[in-house]
Amino acid sequence: MLPIAVWLLNEDPVVQANAKESLNFHINLYVYAIAFALLIFLLIGIPLLFILAIASFVMPIIAIMEVYRNPQRPYYYPFIIRLL
């Protein structure tokens, strides 16, 4: 995964923080997808997976725009569990 390489190879603390946050976001997406897939049997998982698919497309675009607007400050994704 690209965020891991950027996080480990870059020396800029802001770039490292953004890569670490991106990695956390992607890990959370996988965890949420597994949990929502299990909820398909209760018929609530299908709309949740649809919302997750939209969020996985929109949230990185918002992150890119925020980092472009203020490159000296790391961007933190909302609604994620920071594992790293």
Protein backbone atom coordinates (compact mmCIF):
# COMPACT_ATOMS: atom_id res chain seq x y z
CA MET A 1 0.00 0.00 0.00
CA LEU A 2 1.26 3.41 -0.92
CA PRO A 3 0.52 5.14 2.43
CA ILE A 4 2.82 2.68 4.20
CA ALA A 5 5.70 3.46 1.84
CA VAL A 6 5.17 7.21 2.13
CA TRP A 7 4.87 6.99 5.91
CA LEU A 8 8.12 5.01 6.26
CA LEU A 9 10.25 6.68 3.58
CA ASN A 10 9.39 10.36 3.93
CA GLU A 11 10.99 12.55 6.58
CA ASP A 12 8.51 15.46 6.54
CA PRO A 13 6.35 15.20 9.69
CA VAL A 14 3.24 16.60 7.96
CA VAL A 15 3.54 14.11 5.10
CA GLN A 16 4.09 11.29 7.59
CA ALA A 17 1.01 12.34 9.58
CA ASN A 18 -1.11 12.47 6.42
CA ALA A 19 0.12 9.06 5.26
CA LYS A 20 -0.53 7.56 8.68
CA GLU A 21 -4.03 9.05 8.70
CA SER A 22 -4.69 7.70 5.20
CA LEU A 23 -3.58 4.25 6.27
CA ASN A 24 -5.88 4.43 9.30
CA PHE A 25 -8.75 5.48 7.02
CA HIS A 26 -8.22 2.52 4.70
CA ILE A 27 -7.96 0.05 7.58
CA ASN A 28 -11.22 1.44 8.96
CA LEU A 29 -12.87 1.06 5.56
CA TYR A 30 -11.99 -2.64 5.51
CA VAL A 31 -13.25 -3.17 9.07
CA TYR A 32 -16.51 -1.31 8.36
CA ALA A 33 -17.00 -3.25 5.11
CA ILE A 34 -16.66 -6.58 6.92
CA ALA A 35 -19.05 -5.48 9.67
CA PHE A 36 -21.60 -4.14 7.18
CA ALA A 37 -21.33 -7.29 5.05
CA LEU A 38 -22.26 -9.33 8.11
CA LEU A 39 -25.31 -7.08 8.58
CA ILE A 40 -26.63 -7.95 5.11
CA PHE A 41 -28.55 -10.79 6.73
CA LEU A 42 -30.50 -8.19 8.72
CA LEU A 43 -31.14 -6.19 5.51
CA ILE A 44 -29.49 -3.09 6.97
CA GLY A 45 -26.07 -3.95 5.57
CA ILE A 46 -26.91 -3.15 1.94
CA PRO A 47 -27.62 0.57 2.49
CA LEU A 48 -24.67 0.80 4.88
CA LEU A 49 -22.34 -0.68 2.25
CA PHE A 50 -23.69 1.80 -0.28
CA ILE A 51 -22.98 4.70 2.10
CA LEU A 52 -19.52 3.28 2.79
CA ALA A 53 -18.78 3.11 -0.93
CA ILE A 54 -19.72 6.76 -1.34
CA ALA A 55 -17.65 7.76 1.69
CA SER A 56 -14.63 5.83 0.42
CA PHE A 57 -14.76 7.88 -2.77
CA VAL A 58 -15.65 11.31 -1.33
CA MET A 59 -13.55 11.44 1.85
CA PRO A 60 -10.13 11.16 0.11
CA ILE A 61 -11.17 13.93 -2.29
CA ILE A 62 -12.06 16.14 0.67
CA ALA A 63 -8.71 15.25 2.29
CA ILE A 64 -6.81 16.19 -0.87
CA MET A 65 -8.62 19.54 -1.07
CA GLU A 66 -7.94 20.29 2.60
CA VAL A 67 -4.24 19.41 2.33
CA TYR A 68 -3.96 21.48 -0.83
CA ARG A 69 -5.58 24.44 0.94
CA ASN A 70 -3.37 24.18 4.03
CA PRO A 71 -0.24 22.09 3.32
CA GLN A 72 1.42 22.87 6.66
CA ARG A 73 -1.27 21.13 8.72
CA PRO A 74 -2.11 17.41 8.63
CA TYR A 75 -5.66 16.39 7.75
CA TYR A 76 -7.59 14.14 10.10
CA TYR A 77 -10.46 12.05 8.75
CA PRO A 78 -13.66 12.23 10.80
CA PHE A 79 -15.44 9.13 12.13
CA ILE A 80 -12.46 6.79 12.16
CA ILE A 81 -10.70 4.85 14.88
CA ARG A 82 -7.02 5.73 14.91
CA LEU A 83 -5.25 2.41 15.24
CA LEU A 84 -1.73 3.60 14.34
